[in-house]
N, C-alpha and C. Protein backbone atom coordinates (compact mmCIF):
# COMPACT_ATOMS: atom_id res chain seq x y z
N MET A 1 0.85 -1.18 0.00
CA MET A 1 0.00 0.00 0.00
C MET A 1 0.89 1.24 0.00
N TYR A 2 0.51 2.25 -0.76
CA TYR A 2 1.32 3.45 -0.85
C TYR A 2 0.78 4.55 0.07
N ILE A 3 1.58 5.55 0.30
CA ILE A 3 1.21 6.64 1.20
C ILE A 3 0.40 7.69 0.44
N LYS A 4 -0.69 8.15 1.06
CA LYS A 4 -1.51 9.23 0.52
C LYS A 4 -2.07 10.02 1.70
N SER A 5 -2.74 11.11 1.43
CA SER A 5 -3.28 11.93 2.51
C SER A 5 -4.68 11.47 2.89
N ILE A 6 -5.13 11.90 4.06
CA ILE A 6 -6.49 11.58 4.48
C ILE A 6 -7.49 12.12 3.46
N ALA A 7 -7.20 13.27 2.88
CA ALA A 7 -8.10 13.87 1.88
C ALA A 7 -8.28 12.97 0.66
N ASP A 8 -7.32 12.09 0.39
CA ASP A 8 -7.40 11.20 -0.77
C ASP A 8 -8.23 9.95 -0.50
N LEU A 9 -8.53 9.67 0.76
CA LEU A 9 -9.30 8.47 1.10
C LEU A 9 -10.77 8.68 0.74
N GLN A 10 -11.43 7.60 0.36
CA GLN A 10 -12.85 7.63 0.07
C GLN A 10 -13.63 7.30 1.33
N VAL A 11 -14.92 7.62 1.36
CA VAL A 11 -15.76 7.30 2.51
C VAL A 11 -15.73 5.78 2.73
N GLY A 12 -15.48 5.38 3.98
CA GLY A 12 -15.38 3.97 4.33
C GLY A 12 -13.97 3.41 4.27
N GLU A 13 -13.06 4.14 3.67
CA GLU A 13 -11.68 3.69 3.54
C GLU A 13 -10.90 4.02 4.81
N LYS A 14 -9.98 3.14 5.17
CA LYS A 14 -9.17 3.31 6.37
C LYS A 14 -7.70 3.48 6.01
N GLY A 15 -6.97 4.07 6.94
CA GLY A 15 -5.54 4.23 6.77
C GLY A 15 -4.88 4.37 8.13
N THR A 16 -3.57 4.21 8.16
CA THR A 16 -2.79 4.36 9.37
C THR A 16 -1.93 5.60 9.24
N ILE A 17 -2.01 6.50 10.21
CA ILE A 17 -1.25 7.75 10.16
C ILE A 17 0.24 7.44 10.17
N LYS A 18 0.96 7.98 9.20
CA LYS A 18 2.41 7.77 9.09
C LYS A 18 3.21 9.03 9.37
N GLU A 19 2.75 10.18 8.87
CA GLU A 19 3.48 11.42 9.13
C GLU A 19 2.61 12.63 8.88
N PHE A 20 3.08 13.77 9.38
CA PHE A 20 2.40 15.05 9.20
C PHE A 20 3.31 15.96 8.38
N GLN A 21 2.71 16.77 7.53
CA GLN A 21 3.51 17.65 6.67
C GLN A 21 3.48 19.10 7.12
N ASN A 22 2.69 19.43 8.14
CA ASN A 22 2.60 20.80 8.63
C ASN A 22 2.69 20.77 10.14
N GLU A 23 3.75 21.35 10.68
CA GLU A 23 4.00 21.28 12.12
C GLU A 23 2.90 21.96 12.93
N GLU A 24 2.43 23.09 12.48
CA GLU A 24 1.39 23.83 13.21
C GLU A 24 0.09 23.03 13.30
N ILE A 25 -0.35 22.50 12.17
CA ILE A 25 -1.58 21.70 12.15
C ILE A 25 -1.37 20.38 12.90
N SER A 26 -0.18 19.81 12.78
CA SER A 26 0.07 18.52 13.43
C SER A 26 -0.05 18.62 14.95
N LEU A 27 0.37 19.72 15.54
CA LEU A 27 0.24 19.87 16.99
C LEU A 27 -1.22 19.83 17.42
N LYS A 28 -2.07 20.51 16.67
CA LYS A 28 -3.50 20.51 16.97
C LYS A 28 -4.08 19.10 16.83
N LEU A 29 -3.70 18.41 15.77
CA LEU A 29 -4.22 17.06 15.54
C LEU A 29 -3.70 16.06 16.57
N LEU A 30 -2.44 16.19 16.96
CA LEU A 30 -1.89 15.31 17.99
C LEU A 30 -2.65 15.47 19.30
N GLU A 31 -2.99 16.69 19.65
CA GLU A 31 -3.77 16.95 20.86
C GLU A 31 -5.15 16.32 20.80
N MET A 32 -5.67 16.13 19.59
CA MET A 32 -7.00 15.54 19.42
C MET A 32 -6.95 14.03 19.21
N GLY A 33 -5.79 13.42 19.35
CA GLY A 33 -5.70 11.97 19.26
C GLY A 33 -5.23 11.40 17.94
N CYS A 34 -4.89 12.23 17.00
CA CYS A 34 -4.37 11.75 15.71
C CYS A 34 -2.88 11.49 15.87
N LEU A 35 -2.56 10.35 16.42
CA LEU A 35 -1.18 9.99 16.72
C LEU A 35 -0.59 9.12 15.63
N PRO A 36 0.72 9.14 15.46
CA PRO A 36 1.34 8.24 14.49
C PRO A 36 0.95 6.79 14.78
N ASN A 37 0.69 6.04 13.74
CA ASN A 37 0.26 4.64 13.77
C ASN A 37 -1.17 4.43 14.25
N ALA A 38 -1.93 5.52 14.45
CA ALA A 38 -3.35 5.40 14.77
C ALA A 38 -4.12 5.13 13.48
N GLU A 39 -5.14 4.28 13.57
CA GLU A 39 -5.97 3.99 12.41
C GLU A 39 -7.06 5.05 12.30
N VAL A 40 -7.27 5.56 11.10
CA VAL A 40 -8.34 6.52 10.84
C VAL A 40 -9.24 5.96 9.74
N GLU A 41 -10.51 6.32 9.82
CA GLU A 41 -11.47 5.92 8.79
C GLU A 41 -12.27 7.15 8.39
N VAL A 42 -12.39 7.38 7.10
CA VAL A 42 -13.22 8.48 6.61
C VAL A 42 -14.67 8.01 6.69
N THR A 43 -15.49 8.73 7.48
CA THR A 43 -16.88 8.32 7.65
C THR A 43 -17.85 9.14 6.82
N GLN A 44 -17.49 10.40 6.54
CA GLN A 44 -18.35 11.26 5.73
C GLN A 44 -17.52 12.32 5.05
N LYS A 45 -18.03 12.78 3.90
CA LYS A 45 -17.44 13.94 3.22
C LYS A 45 -18.59 14.83 2.79
N ALA A 46 -18.41 16.13 2.95
CA ALA A 46 -19.41 17.08 2.47
C ALA A 46 -19.47 17.01 0.95
N PRO A 47 -20.55 17.49 0.35
CA PRO A 47 -20.70 17.38 -1.11
C PRO A 47 -19.51 17.87 -1.93
N PHE A 48 -18.85 18.93 -1.50
CA PHE A 48 -17.70 19.43 -2.25
C PHE A 48 -16.39 19.02 -1.60
N GLY A 49 -16.44 18.04 -0.67
CA GLY A 49 -15.23 17.49 -0.08
C GLY A 49 -14.68 18.25 1.11
N ASP A 50 -15.42 19.23 1.62
CA ASP A 50 -14.92 20.02 2.74
C ASP A 50 -16.09 20.38 3.64
N PRO A 51 -16.15 19.93 4.87
CA PRO A 51 -15.14 19.21 5.64
C PRO A 51 -15.19 17.71 5.42
N ILE A 52 -14.21 17.05 6.01
CA ILE A 52 -14.11 15.58 5.98
C ILE A 52 -14.24 15.08 7.41
N CYS A 53 -15.11 14.12 7.63
CA CYS A 53 -15.31 13.57 8.96
C CYS A 53 -14.57 12.23 9.05
N ILE A 54 -13.74 12.10 10.08
CA ILE A 54 -12.98 10.86 10.27
C ILE A 54 -13.27 10.28 11.65
N ARG A 55 -13.06 8.97 11.78
CA ARG A 55 -13.14 8.30 13.07
C ARG A 55 -11.70 7.95 13.46
N VAL A 56 -11.30 8.39 14.64
CA VAL A 56 -9.98 8.08 15.17
C VAL A 56 -10.14 7.91 16.68
N ALA A 57 -9.54 6.85 17.22
CA ALA A 57 -9.60 6.58 18.66
C ALA A 57 -11.04 6.57 19.18
N ASP A 58 -11.94 5.95 18.44
CA ASP A 58 -13.35 5.80 18.83
C ASP A 58 -14.14 7.10 18.96
N TYR A 59 -13.74 8.15 18.27
CA TYR A 59 -14.57 9.34 18.22
C TYR A 59 -14.48 9.96 16.83
N GLN A 60 -15.43 10.85 16.55
CA GLN A 60 -15.51 11.51 15.25
C GLN A 60 -14.80 12.85 15.32
N LEU A 61 -14.13 13.19 14.23
CA LEU A 61 -13.39 14.44 14.13
C LEU A 61 -13.60 15.00 12.73
N SER A 62 -13.89 16.28 12.63
CA SER A 62 -14.04 16.92 11.32
C SER A 62 -12.79 17.73 11.00
N LEU A 63 -12.32 17.56 9.78
CA LEU A 63 -11.12 18.27 9.31
C LEU A 63 -11.46 19.06 8.05
N ARG A 64 -10.85 20.20 7.91
CA ARG A 64 -10.92 20.91 6.64
C ARG A 64 -10.08 20.13 5.63
N ARG A 65 -10.39 20.27 4.38
CA ARG A 65 -9.65 19.54 3.35
C ARG A 65 -8.17 19.90 3.38
N ARG A 66 -7.86 21.17 3.60
CA ARG A 66 -6.44 21.58 3.63
C ARG A 66 -5.71 20.95 4.82
N GLU A 67 -6.40 20.73 5.93
CA GLU A 67 -5.79 20.04 7.07
C GLU A 67 -5.60 18.56 6.75
N ALA A 68 -6.61 17.96 6.13
CA ALA A 68 -6.55 16.54 5.80
C ALA A 68 -5.42 16.24 4.81
N HIS A 69 -5.08 17.19 3.95
CA HIS A 69 -3.98 16.99 2.99
C HIS A 69 -2.63 16.91 3.67
N THR A 70 -2.53 17.41 4.91
CA THR A 70 -1.23 17.42 5.59
C THR A 70 -0.96 16.16 6.40
N VAL A 71 -1.96 15.25 6.48
CA VAL A 71 -1.79 14.02 7.25
C VAL A 71 -1.63 12.86 6.27
N LEU A 72 -0.46 12.25 6.26
CA LEU A 72 -0.19 11.14 5.35
C LEU A 72 -0.49 9.82 6.02
N VAL A 73 -1.19 8.97 5.29
CA VAL A 73 -1.58 7.64 5.80
C VAL A 73 -1.13 6.56 4.83
N GLN A 74 -1.09 5.36 5.36
CA GLN A 74 -0.72 4.21 4.52
C GLN A 74 -1.84 3.20 4.59
């Protein structure tokens, strides 16, 4: 499996967080439980793809598309 961003995942697709590309956004996401090697699942996307709702650590989290592009998953 190759690395892509959370924004590239389709609804129902899962991935494992591998790295963050933006230090500022990564600090916010780390505080919310988006830790390296955590499994995430895209549960919903708005009609134009923004925001994106993900499940991580048994709770739902909404991300802007630009934030989701900075989280790389495998």
